[in-house]
């Protein structure tokens, strides 16, 4: 069995959860690949999206909660 784990670089919570899943699957001898879902598109768009989400989370957490 193989597993593809998609994460998102818009916050370390996503990456931490993905890494925990990957570690557990690997303990069970399951081959895993961890990818950032935003990396499949345009590199410039990826940077803009990550920057937008990170800035909203830091500067206006109430708006981030709504999203």
Foldseek 3Di string as FASTA:
>chain_A
DEEEAEFALLDVVRVVVSVVVCVVVVVVVHHYDYYHPLVVDDPVVSVVVSVVSNCCCVPPVVVNVVD
